[in-house]
C-alpha atoms as a PDB file:
ATOM      1  CA  UNK A   1      70.165 -23.475  43.814  1.00  0.00           C
ATOM      2  CA  UNK A   2      67.455 -21.367  45.469  1.00  0.00           C
ATOM      3  CA  UNK A   3      66.753 -21.364  49.095  1.00  0.00           C
ATOM      4  CA  UNK A   4      62.748 -21.220  49.743  1.00  0.00           C
ATOM      5  CA  UNK A   5      61.120 -18.266  51.318  1.00  0.00           C
ATOM      6  CA  UNK A   6      60.814 -19.979  54.726  1.00  0.00           C
ATOM      7  CA  UNK A   7      64.859 -20.478  54.932  1.00  0.00           C
ATOM      8  CA  UNK A   8      65.440 -16.845  53.545  1.00  0.00           C
ATOM      9  CA  UNK A   9      63.299 -15.087  56.156  1.00  0.00           C
ATOM     10  CA  UNK A  10      64.559 -17.363  58.885  1.00  0.00           C
ATOM     11  CA  UNK A  11      68.483 -16.799  57.790  1.00  0.00           C
ATOM     12  CA  UNK A  12      67.644 -13.020  57.556  1.00  0.00           C
ATOM     13  CA  UNK A  13      65.924 -12.758  61.099  1.00  0.00           C
ATOM     14  CA  UNK A  14      68.966 -15.072  62.866  1.00  0.00           C
ATOM     15  CA  UNK A  15      71.475 -12.430  60.758  1.00  0.00           C
ATOM     16  CA  UNK A  16      70.193  -9.653  61.956  1.00  0.00           C
ATOM     17  CA  UNK A  17      69.580 -10.860  65.371  1.00  0.00           C
ATOM     18  CA  UNK A  18      65.545 -10.525  65.715  1.00  0.00           C
ATOM     19  CA  UNK A  19      64.838 -14.009  66.137  1.00  0.00           C
ATOM     20  CA  UNK A  20      67.467 -17.389  66.388  1.00  0.00           C
ATOM     21  CA  UNK A  21      67.429 -19.988  63.680  1.00  0.00           C
ATOM     22  CA  UNK A  22      68.440 -23.424  64.969  1.00  0.00           C
ATOM     23  CA  UNK A  23      69.303 -25.084  62.231  1.00  0.00           C
ATOM     24  CA  UNK A  24      68.072 -28.918  61.799  1.00  0.00           C
ATOM     25  CA  UNK A  25      70.539 -31.501  62.831  1.00  0.00           C
ATOM     26  CA  UNK A  26      70.131 -33.279  59.648  1.00  0.00           C
ATOM     27  CA  UNK A  27      69.056 -32.384  56.269  1.00  0.00           C
ATOM     28  CA  UNK A  28      67.139 -34.665  54.400  1.00  0.00           C
ATOM     29  CA  UNK A  29      67.806 -34.743  50.443  1.00  0.00           C
ATOM     30  CA  UNK A  30      64.498 -35.505  48.570  1.00  0.00           C
ATOM     31  CA  UNK A  31      64.098 -36.164  44.597  1.00  0.00           C
ATOM     32  CA  UNK A  32      61.346 -34.562  42.529  1.00  0.00           C
ATOM     33  CA  UNK A  33      59.656 -34.921  39.386  1.00  0.00           C
ATOM     34  CA  UNK A  34      58.608 -31.516  39.138  1.00  0.00           C
ATOM     35  CA  UNK A  35      59.772 -27.913  40.043  1.00  0.00           C
ATOM     36  CA  UNK A  36      59.894 -26.639  43.118  1.00  0.00           C
ATOM     37  CA  UNK A  37      58.735 -23.009  43.832  1.00  0.00           C
ATOM     38  CA  UNK A  38      60.738 -20.558  46.115  1.00  0.00           C
ATOM     39  CA  UNK A  39      56.903 -20.779  48.420  1.00  0.00           C
ATOM     40  CA  UNK A  40      58.013 -24.656  48.998  1.00  0.00           C
ATOM     41  CA  UNK A  41      55.292 -26.190  46.766  1.00  0.00           C
ATOM     42  CA  UNK A  42      55.411 -27.726  43.543  1.00  0.00           C
ATOM     43  CA  UNK A  43      57.155 -30.945  44.970  1.00  0.00           C
ATOM     44  CA  UNK A  44      56.246 -34.462  43.549  1.00  0.00           C
ATOM     45  CA  UNK A  45      58.153 -36.647  45.331  1.00  0.00           C
ATOM     46  CA  UNK A  46      58.050 -40.561  44.560  1.00  0.00           C
ATOM     47  CA  UNK A  47      56.033 -42.075  47.131  1.00  0.00           C
ATOM     48  CA  UNK A  48      56.601 -45.761  47.290  1.00  0.00           C
ATOM     49  CA  UNK A  49      58.885 -48.486  45.798  1.00  0.00           C
ATOM     50  CA  UNK A  50      60.999 -47.852  48.665  1.00  0.00           C
ATOM     51  CA  UNK A  51      61.493 -44.305  48.328  1.00  0.00           C
ATOM     52  CA  UNK A  52      62.766 -42.351  51.275  1.00  0.00           C
ATOM     53  CA  UNK A  53      64.738 -39.042  51.731  1.00  0.00           C
ATOM     54  CA  UNK A  54      68.389 -39.748  52.241  1.00  0.00           C
ATOM     55  CA  UNK A  55      69.731 -38.262  56.272  1.00  0.00           C
ATOM     56  CA  UNK A  56      72.196 -36.105  55.856  1.00  0.00           C
ATOM     57  CA  UNK A  57      74.477 -34.749  58.891  1.00  0.00           C
ATOM     58  CA  UNK A  58      77.133 -31.567  58.862  1.00  0.00           C
ATOM     59  CA  UNK A  59      80.364 -34.310  58.435  1.00  0.00           C
ATOM     60  CA  UNK A  60      78.706 -35.254  55.387  1.00  0.00           C
ATOM     61  CA  UNK A  61      79.209 -32.070  53.814  1.00  0.00           C
ATOM     62  CA  UNK A  62      82.410 -29.780  53.008  1.00  0.00           C
ATOM     63  CA  UNK A  63      82.994 -26.555  54.543  1.00  0.00           C
ATOM     64  CA  UNK A  64      81.473 -24.160  52.644  1.00  0.00           C
ATOM     65  CA  UNK A  65      83.993 -21.802  50.325  1.00  0.00           C
ATOM     66  CA  UNK A  66      84.906 -18.373  50.500  1.00  0.00           C
ATOM     67  CA  UNK A  67      84.308 -17.436  46.669  1.00  0.00           C
ATOM     68  CA  UNK A  68      81.654 -15.331  44.818  1.00  0.00           C
ATOM     69  CA  UNK A  69      79.792 -17.531  44.585  1.00  0.00           C
ATOM     70  CA  UNK A  70      80.531 -19.129  48.161  1.00  0.00           C
ATOM     71  CA  UNK A  71      79.987 -23.474  47.581  1.00  0.00           C
ATOM     72  CA  UNK A  72      78.930 -26.258  49.494  1.00  0.00           C
ATOM     73  CA  UNK A  73      78.667 -29.276  48.198  1.00  0.00           C
ATOM     74  CA  UNK A  74      78.028 -33.323  49.352  1.00  0.00           C
ATOM     75  CA  UNK A  75      81.867 -34.822  51.197  1.00  0.00           C
ATOM     76  CA  UNK A  76      80.475 -38.290  50.361  1.00  0.00           C
ATOM     77  CA  UNK A  77      78.356 -40.118  47.948  1.00  0.00           C
ATOM     78  CA  UNK A  78      74.485 -39.370  48.824  1.00  0.00           C
ATOM     79  CA  UNK A  79      72.436 -42.822  48.039  1.00  0.00           C
ATOM     80  CA  UNK A  80      68.950 -43.108  47.946  1.00  0.00           C
ATOM     81  CA  UNK A  81      67.428 -46.627  48.900  1.00  0.00           C
ATOM     82  CA  UNK A  82      67.699 -49.294  45.622  1.00  0.00           C
ATOM     83  CA  UNK A  83      63.817 -48.626  44.122  1.00  0.00           C
ATOM     84  CA  UNK A  84      61.558 -51.830  43.944  1.00  0.00           C
ATOM     85  CA  UNK A  85      59.331 -50.191  41.688  1.00  0.00           C
ATOM     86  CA  UNK A  86      59.153 -47.681  39.256  1.00  0.00           C
ATOM     87  CA  UNK A  87      59.622 -44.273  40.953  1.00  0.00           C
ATOM     88  CA  UNK A  88      56.824 -41.896  40.019  1.00  0.00           C
ATOM     89  CA  UNK A  89      55.430 -43.889  37.093  1.00  0.00           C
ATOM     90  CA  UNK A  90      59.009 -44.069  35.352  1.00  0.00           C
ATOM     91  CA  UNK A  91      58.566 -40.275  34.904  1.00  0.00           C
ATOM     92  CA  UNK A  92      62.139 -37.875  34.779  1.00  0.00           C
ATOM     93  CA  UNK A  93      63.110 -36.509  38.427  1.00  0.00           C
ATOM     94  CA  UNK A  94      64.180 -33.250  37.794  1.00  0.00           C
ATOM     95  CA  UNK A  95      64.808 -31.433  41.406  1.00  0.00           C
ATOM     96  CA  UNK A  96      66.426 -32.260  44.434  1.00  0.00           C
ATOM     97  CA  UNK A  97      65.130 -30.745  47.344  1.00  0.00           C
ATOM     98  CA  UNK A  98      66.753 -30.427  50.990  1.00  0.00           C
ATOM     99  CA  UNK A  99      64.172 -30.392  53.952  1.00  0.00           C
ATOM    100  CA  UNK A 100      64.635 -30.198  57.493  1.00  0.00           C
ATOM    101  CA  UNK A 101      62.673 -33.447  58.534  1.00  0.00           C
ATOM    102  CA  UNK A 102      62.352 -37.120  56.962  1.00  0.00           C
ATOM    103  CA  UNK A 103      58.790 -36.664  56.207  1.00  0.00           C
ATOM    104  CA  UNK A 104      57.063 -33.674  55.793  1.00  0.00           C
ATOM    105  CA  UNK A 105      58.866 -30.905  57.069  1.00  0.00           C
ATOM    106  CA  UNK A 106      60.068 -27.374  55.366  1.00  0.00           C
ATOM    107  CA  UNK A 107      61.655 -27.144  52.603  1.00  0.00           C
ATOM    108  CA  UNK A 108      65.126 -25.577  52.496  1.00  0.00           C
ATOM    109  CA  UNK A 109      66.173 -25.335  49.131  1.00  0.00           C
ATOM    110  CA  UNK A 110      66.244 -26.843  45.792  1.00  0.00           C
ATOM    111  CA  UNK A 111      68.165 -27.209  42.242  1.00  0.00           C
ATOM    112  CA  UNK A 112      67.491 -28.546  39.112  1.00  0.00           C
ATOM    113  CA  UNK A 113      69.092 -31.881  38.267  1.00  0.00           C
ATOM    114  CA  UNK A 114      72.017 -31.422  35.302  1.00  0.00           C
ATOM    115  CA  UNK A 115      70.754 -34.900  33.990  1.00  0.00           C
ATOM    116  CA  UNK A 116      67.009 -35.734  34.684  1.00  0.00           C
ATOM    117  CA  UNK A 117      65.998 -39.155  34.393  1.00  0.00           C
ATOM    118  CA  UNK A 118      63.520 -41.977  35.556  1.00  0.00           C
ATOM    119  CA  UNK A 119      64.416 -43.947  38.794  1.00  0.00           C
ATOM    120  CA  UNK A 120      62.938 -47.968  37.654  1.00  0.00           C
ATOM    121  CA  UNK A 121      62.624 -50.456  39.428  1.00  0.00           C
ATOM    122  CA  UNK A 122      65.958 -52.278  40.374  1.00  0.00           C
ATOM    123  CA  UNK A 123      67.882 -48.328  40.219  1.00  0.00           C
ATOM    124  CA  UNK A 124      69.478 -47.107  42.917  1.00  0.00           C
ATOM    125  CA  UNK A 125      69.672 -43.050  42.269  1.00  0.00           C
ATOM    126  CA  UNK A 126      72.839 -41.322  43.771  1.00  0.00           C
ATOM    127  CA  UNK A 127      74.944 -38.171  44.176  1.00  0.00           C
ATOM    128  CA  UNK A 128      78.796 -39.052  44.042  1.00  0.00           C
ATOM    129  CA  UNK A 129      80.769 -37.150  46.018  1.00  0.00           C
ATOM    130  CA  UNK A 130      81.163 -32.989  45.439  1.00  0.00           C
ATOM    131  CA  UNK A 131      77.729 -33.364  42.756  1.00  0.00           C
ATOM    132  CA  UNK A 132      75.557 -32.043  45.256  1.00  0.00           C
ATOM    133  CA  UNK A 133      76.165 -28.060  44.872  1.00  0.00           C
ATOM    134  CA  UNK A 134      74.911 -25.875  47.137  1.00  0.00           C
ATOM    135  CA  UNK A 135      75.196 -22.092  46.490  1.00  0.00           C
ATOM    136  CA  UNK A 136      74.951 -18.504  47.840  1.00  0.00           C
ATOM    137  CA  UNK A 137      75.943 -15.401  46.029  1.00  0.00           C
END
């Protein structure tokens, strides 16, 4: 799992009291069929077929562990809308991406899926509770 350059800079400035970072009210979970970059590019989200990012609030995540690495994971299942068409023409979805808005916005962090797979018409993509791990070392 990686933080994007945008989020890393915001957190460092906030930590060093050189500008206040205001965390988004919700974090939106997205899927990508390509590998994101730390610059926030390289993301290929599905379009159409009822795809939409999933909104999560702070209460949808477990408290971070005090460990090496520290871990924060989803308390509740994260479930995408049921696909009404093959997403990205049936290509494997390979990564998750966390955004600060439901569309557009800033990519904040991303990671590879354990098992890349396509989402086809009628499928419902989801992460079981505890399956989406965010770590900081």
